[in-house]
N, C-alpha and C. Protein backbone atom coordinates (compact mmCIF):
# COMPACT_ATOMS: atom_id res chain seq x y z
N MET A 1 115.86 115.31 67.74
CA MET A 1 115.23 115.95 69.07
C MET A 1 114.36 116.56 69.19
N SER A 2 113.37 116.07 70.04
CA SER A 2 111.77 116.76 70.40
C SER A 2 112.02 117.76 71.22
N LYS A 3 110.75 118.76 70.87
CA LYS A 3 110.74 120.02 71.54
C LYS A 3 110.32 119.86 72.84
N PHE A 4 109.88 118.40 73.24
CA PHE A 4 109.28 117.88 74.44
C PHE A 4 110.22 117.53 75.62
N ARG A 5 110.08 117.74 76.78
CA ARG A 5 111.20 116.77 77.69
C ARG A 5 110.65 115.02 77.78
N TYR A 6 109.47 114.99 77.55
CA TYR A 6 109.10 113.58 77.32
C TYR A 6 108.10 113.65 76.08
N ASP A 7 108.89 112.92 75.06
CA ASP A 7 107.79 112.92 73.89
C ASP A 7 107.05 112.17 73.81
N LYS A 8 107.07 110.80 74.43
CA LYS A 8 105.85 109.66 74.34
C LYS A 8 105.76 109.53 75.75
N ILE A 9 104.38 109.97 76.20
CA ILE A 9 103.77 109.87 77.79
C ILE A 9 102.79 108.76 77.38
N LEU A 10 102.62 107.83 78.38
CA LEU A 10 101.95 106.89 78.62
C LEU A 10 101.24 107.20 80.05
N LEU A 11 99.54 107.84 80.12
CA LEU A 11 98.96 107.68 80.92
C LEU A 11 98.03 106.45 81.39
N THR A 12 97.70 105.97 82.27
CA THR A 12 97.29 104.64 83.27
C THR A 12 96.09 105.66 83.55
N GLY A 13 95.04 104.64 83.48
CA GLY A 13 94.05 104.80 84.47
C GLY A 13 93.31 106.41 83.71
N ALA A 14 93.37 106.38 82.58
CA ALA A 14 93.01 107.56 81.77
C ALA A 14 91.26 107.64 81.62
N ALA A 15 90.54 106.78 82.01
CA ALA A 15 89.25 107.01 82.09
C ALA A 15 88.77 106.99 83.71
N GLY A 16 89.75 107.10 84.43
CA GLY A 16 88.89 107.73 85.69
C GLY A 16 89.29 109.65 85.94
N ALA A 17 88.88 109.58 86.93
CA ALA A 17 88.26 111.35 87.31
C ALA A 17 89.74 111.97 86.94
N LEU A 18 90.91 111.83 87.39
CA LEU A 18 91.76 112.34 87.21
C LEU A 18 92.68 112.38 85.97
N GLY A 19 92.68 110.71 85.54
CA GLY A 19 93.16 110.57 84.34
C GLY A 19 92.83 111.45 83.20
N ASP A 20 91.24 111.48 83.18
CA ASP A 20 90.35 112.30 82.21
C ASP A 20 91.02 113.99 82.50
N GLN A 21 91.34 114.16 83.66
CA GLN A 21 91.61 115.74 83.70
C GLN A 21 93.13 116.06 83.16
N LEU A 22 93.95 115.31 83.12
CA LEU A 22 94.97 115.14 82.72
C LEU A 22 95.27 115.30 81.26
N ARG A 23 94.40 114.58 80.69
CA ARG A 23 94.80 113.91 79.09
C ARG A 23 94.75 115.28 78.18
N GLU A 24 94.35 116.43 78.27
CA GLU A 24 94.38 117.64 77.33
C GLU A 24 95.71 118.18 77.89
N SER A 25 95.79 118.52 79.29
CA SER A 25 97.10 119.05 79.54
C SER A 25 98.57 118.09 79.33
N LEU A 26 98.61 116.85 79.43
CA LEU A 26 99.66 115.91 78.70
C LEU A 26 99.22 115.96 76.87
N SER A 27 98.29 116.06 76.34
CA SER A 27 98.42 116.13 75.03
C SER A 27 99.21 117.10 74.32
N LYS A 28 99.16 118.43 75.08
CA LYS A 28 100.07 119.44 74.65
C LYS A 28 101.11 119.28 74.98
N VAL A 29 101.97 118.61 75.91
CA VAL A 29 103.60 118.52 75.82
C VAL A 29 103.90 117.21 75.61
N SER A 30 103.67 116.46 74.44
CA SER A 30 104.11 115.44 74.08
C SER A 30 103.92 115.38 72.56
N SER A 31 104.77 114.37 72.02
CA SER A 31 104.14 114.21 70.19
C SER A 31 103.15 113.13 70.62
N LEU A 32 103.02 111.96 71.45
CA LEU A 32 102.38 111.03 71.58
C LEU A 32 101.79 110.66 72.96
N LEU A 33 100.46 110.70 73.28
CA LEU A 33 99.99 110.76 74.49
C LEU A 33 99.24 109.05 74.28
N ARG A 34 99.92 108.05 74.49
CA ARG A 34 99.46 106.84 74.87
C ARG A 34 98.43 106.52 76.13
N ILE A 35 97.31 106.54 75.86
CA ILE A 35 96.05 106.57 77.00
C ILE A 35 95.70 105.35 77.06
N SER A 36 95.48 104.59 78.60
CA SER A 36 94.96 103.27 78.68
C SER A 36 94.23 103.55 80.00
N ASP A 37 93.37 102.15 79.84
CA ASP A 37 92.27 101.90 81.11
C ASP A 37 91.97 100.63 80.73
N ARG A 38 91.15 100.02 81.59
CA ARG A 38 90.74 98.57 81.45
C ARG A 38 89.24 98.82 80.78
N GLU A 39 88.90 100.14 81.62
CA GLU A 39 87.72 100.65 80.35
C GLU A 39 87.55 100.88 79.16
N ASP A 40 86.59 101.09 78.50
CA ASP A 40 86.99 101.63 77.05
C ASP A 40 87.08 103.26 76.96
N LEU A 41 87.59 103.69 76.03
CA LEU A 41 88.18 104.98 75.96
C LEU A 41 87.92 105.22 74.67
N THR A 42 87.76 106.83 74.63
CA THR A 42 87.65 107.32 73.06
C THR A 42 88.49 108.42 72.88
N LYS A 43 89.20 108.55 72.04
CA LYS A 43 90.37 109.52 71.30
C LYS A 43 89.70 110.68 71.15
N LYS A 44 90.14 111.62 72.27
CA LYS A 44 89.96 112.97 72.43
C LYS A 44 91.14 113.99 71.46
N PHE A 45 92.21 113.69 71.43
CA PHE A 45 93.10 114.66 70.86
C PHE A 45 94.07 113.96 69.84
N LYS A 46 94.38 114.53 68.90
CA LYS A 46 95.32 113.86 67.46
C LYS A 46 96.13 113.26 67.74
N ASN A 47 96.85 113.49 68.91
CA ASN A 47 98.04 112.82 69.29
C ASN A 47 98.04 111.71 70.34
N GLU A 48 96.77 111.24 70.58
CA GLU A 48 96.44 110.16 71.38
C GLU A 48 96.40 109.19 70.96
N GLU A 49 96.67 107.94 71.14
CA GLU A 49 96.73 106.44 71.04
C GLU A 49 95.88 105.68 71.97
N VAL A 50 94.77 105.38 71.93
CA VAL A 50 94.07 104.69 72.87
C VAL A 50 94.49 102.93 72.81
N VAL A 51 94.66 102.33 74.06
CA VAL A 51 94.99 101.00 74.26
C VAL A 51 94.25 100.41 75.50
N LYS A 52 93.55 99.67 75.19
CA LYS A 52 92.74 98.97 76.52
C LYS A 52 93.51 97.90 77.05
N ALA A 53 93.70 97.80 78.58
CA ALA A 53 94.89 97.13 78.94
C ALA A 53 94.36 96.92 80.38
N ASP A 54 94.86 96.07 81.05
CA ASP A 54 94.73 95.76 82.08
C ASP A 54 95.94 95.69 83.28
N LEU A 55 96.28 96.51 84.20
CA LEU A 55 97.33 96.59 84.72
C LEU A 55 98.02 95.46 85.39
N SER A 56 97.08 94.41 85.75
CA SER A 56 97.67 93.35 86.25
C SER A 56 98.31 92.04 85.12
N SER A 57 98.05 92.67 83.90
CA SER A 57 98.90 91.65 83.19
C SER A 57 100.26 92.09 82.53
N ALA A 58 101.31 91.48 82.94
CA ALA A 58 102.44 91.72 82.60
C ALA A 58 102.65 92.10 81.36
N ASP A 59 102.13 90.98 80.42
CA ASP A 59 102.35 91.11 79.11
C ASP A 59 101.84 92.24 78.53
N GLU A 60 100.45 92.67 78.75
CA GLU A 60 99.98 94.01 78.20
C GLU A 60 101.00 95.25 78.76
N MET A 61 101.04 95.28 80.05
CA MET A 61 101.82 96.75 80.31
C MET A 61 103.47 96.61 79.59
N MET A 62 104.18 95.38 79.57
CA MET A 62 105.43 95.59 79.13
C MET A 62 104.81 95.90 77.46
N SER A 63 104.19 95.62 76.95
CA SER A 63 103.53 95.82 75.50
C SER A 63 103.13 97.18 75.47
N LEU A 64 102.45 97.91 76.36
CA LEU A 64 101.98 99.06 76.57
C LEU A 64 103.17 100.09 76.61
N THR A 65 104.31 99.79 77.82
CA THR A 65 105.29 100.72 77.60
C THR A 65 106.44 100.68 76.84
N LYS A 66 106.43 99.88 75.81
CA LYS A 66 107.10 99.57 74.78
C LYS A 66 107.14 101.50 74.25
N ASN A 67 108.75 101.80 73.83
CA ASN A 67 109.24 103.06 73.11
C ASN A 67 108.13 104.33 74.18
N ILE A 68 108.24 104.07 75.28
CA ILE A 68 107.61 105.16 76.03
C ILE A 68 108.98 105.84 77.24
N ASP A 69 108.52 106.96 77.12
CA ASP A 69 109.26 107.85 77.65
C ASP A 69 109.26 108.15 79.18
N CYS A 70 107.83 108.26 79.38
CA CYS A 70 107.36 108.75 80.72
C CYS A 70 105.84 107.78 81.18
N VAL A 71 106.02 107.49 82.35
CA VAL A 71 104.28 106.91 82.42
C VAL A 71 104.15 107.64 83.64
N VAL A 72 102.75 108.00 83.64
CA VAL A 72 102.08 109.35 84.33
C VAL A 72 100.64 107.90 85.05
N HIS A 73 101.26 107.44 86.18
CA HIS A 73 100.60 106.18 86.63
C HIS A 73 99.19 106.82 87.39
N MET A 74 98.16 106.67 86.91
CA MET A 74 96.93 107.12 87.58
C MET A 74 95.67 105.73 87.51
N GLY A 75 96.32 104.60 87.14
CA GLY A 75 95.34 103.54 87.14
C GLY A 75 95.04 102.91 88.71
N GLY A 76 94.42 102.23 88.93
CA GLY A 76 94.05 101.55 90.44
C GLY A 76 92.98 101.84 90.77
N GLN A 77 92.39 101.21 91.95
CA GLN A 77 91.20 101.35 92.29
C GLN A 77 91.10 102.49 93.74
N SER A 78 90.77 103.16 93.35
CA SER A 78 90.72 104.16 94.13
C SER A 78 89.26 104.86 95.53
N ILE A 79 88.79 103.89 95.14
CA ILE A 79 87.73 104.07 95.86
C ILE A 79 87.32 102.50 96.59
N GLU A 80 86.55 102.42 97.54
CA GLU A 80 86.38 100.79 98.21
C GLU A 80 86.04 100.08 96.87
N GLY A 81 86.41 98.92 96.81
CA GLY A 81 86.02 97.95 95.61
C GLY A 81 86.14 96.38 96.34
N SER A 82 85.72 95.74 95.39
CA SER A 82 86.17 94.15 95.49
C SER A 82 87.81 93.99 95.78
N TRP A 83 87.69 93.00 96.73
CA TRP A 83 89.57 92.57 96.95
C TRP A 83 90.09 92.17 95.62
N ASP A 84 89.29 91.52 94.65
CA ASP A 84 89.68 91.25 93.07
C ASP A 84 90.58 92.61 92.80
N ASN A 85 89.70 93.59 92.59
CA ASN A 85 89.90 94.82 92.00
C ASN A 85 90.93 95.67 92.65
N VAL A 86 91.10 95.55 93.99
CA VAL A 86 92.16 96.43 94.52
C VAL A 86 93.28 95.24 94.60
N LEU A 87 93.41 93.86 94.23
CA LEU A 87 94.35 92.96 94.10
C LEU A 87 95.36 93.05 93.09
N ASN A 88 94.43 93.45 91.82
CA ASN A 88 94.96 93.58 90.48
C ASN A 88 95.39 94.56 89.93
N SER A 89 94.69 95.88 90.50
CA SER A 89 94.57 97.18 90.14
C SER A 89 95.95 97.60 91.18
N ASN A 90 95.94 97.65 92.48
CA ASN A 90 96.88 98.29 92.98
C ASN A 90 98.18 97.69 93.72
N ILE A 91 97.92 96.05 93.82
CA ILE A 91 98.62 95.36 94.31
C ILE A 91 99.94 94.81 93.25
N ILE A 92 99.29 94.18 92.52
CA ILE A 92 100.01 93.32 91.23
C ILE A 92 100.39 94.09 90.11
N GLY A 93 99.27 95.27 89.86
CA GLY A 93 99.93 96.18 88.71
C GLY A 93 101.16 97.35 89.04
N MET A 94 101.22 97.67 90.10
CA MET A 94 102.00 98.49 90.50
C MET A 94 103.60 98.08 90.34
N PRO A 95 104.03 96.74 90.69
CA PRO A 95 105.56 96.11 90.53
C PRO A 95 105.91 96.11 88.82
N ILE A 96 104.51 95.94 88.27
CA ILE A 96 104.63 95.72 86.78
C ILE A 96 105.02 96.96 86.25
N ILE A 97 104.05 98.16 86.76
CA ILE A 97 104.86 99.39 86.19
C ILE A 97 106.09 100.01 86.42
N LEU A 98 106.34 99.39 87.59
CA LEU A 98 108.12 99.91 88.23
C LEU A 98 109.08 98.83 87.22
N GLU A 99 108.58 97.75 86.99
CA GLU A 99 109.57 96.95 86.11
C GLU A 99 109.84 97.98 84.63
N PHE A 100 108.63 98.59 84.38
CA PHE A 100 109.34 99.64 83.39
C PHE A 100 110.31 100.46 83.41
N ARG A 101 110.75 100.81 84.93
CA ARG A 101 111.84 101.58 85.25
C ARG A 101 113.19 100.96 84.84
N THR A 102 113.01 99.45 85.10
CA THR A 102 114.45 98.66 85.02
C THR A 102 114.71 98.57 83.60
N LEU A 103 113.77 98.19 82.64
CA LEU A 103 113.98 98.12 81.25
C LEU A 103 114.07 98.94 80.40
N SER A 104 113.92 100.46 80.66
CA SER A 104 113.88 101.77 79.86
C SER A 104 114.97 102.12 79.85
N GLN A 105 115.75 102.71 79.19
CA GLN A 105 117.44 103.54 79.26
C GLN A 105 116.83 105.12 79.87
N GLU A 106 115.97 105.46 79.66
CA GLU A 106 115.98 106.77 80.59
C GLU A 106 114.24 107.01 80.86
N PRO A 107 114.20 105.92 81.89
CA PRO A 107 112.25 105.87 82.30
C PRO A 107 112.23 107.08 83.71
N SER A 108 110.86 107.52 83.43
CA SER A 108 110.19 108.31 84.47
C SER A 108 108.96 107.93 84.70
N ILE A 109 108.58 107.60 86.09
CA ILE A 109 107.60 107.47 86.54
C ILE A 109 107.13 108.41 87.30
N LEU A 110 105.69 108.92 86.93
CA LEU A 110 105.12 110.05 87.94
C LEU A 110 104.13 109.54 88.60
């Protein structure tokens, strides 16, 4: 039994401003913090696992959420951007993350 409520956390959008701010606090409340973004990331904390992935890829997202207890979803296009970025990140990506909920035994999405 883990001492953490969510032992293995996935943080999407970890390269963004909010995702970057959450990394330290989430790393302290989990044994594994899997961080992901479509941009390159550098590991900051010893329990981080860095995975580059695209929210619009179902295969990448299903692999990314494997063995994860909780998803903190900060990925997406937060400011004005091209239609392709908005479509792939915000419209196609969100249902894929929600699919995690149906495939996991005790899923949580924040």
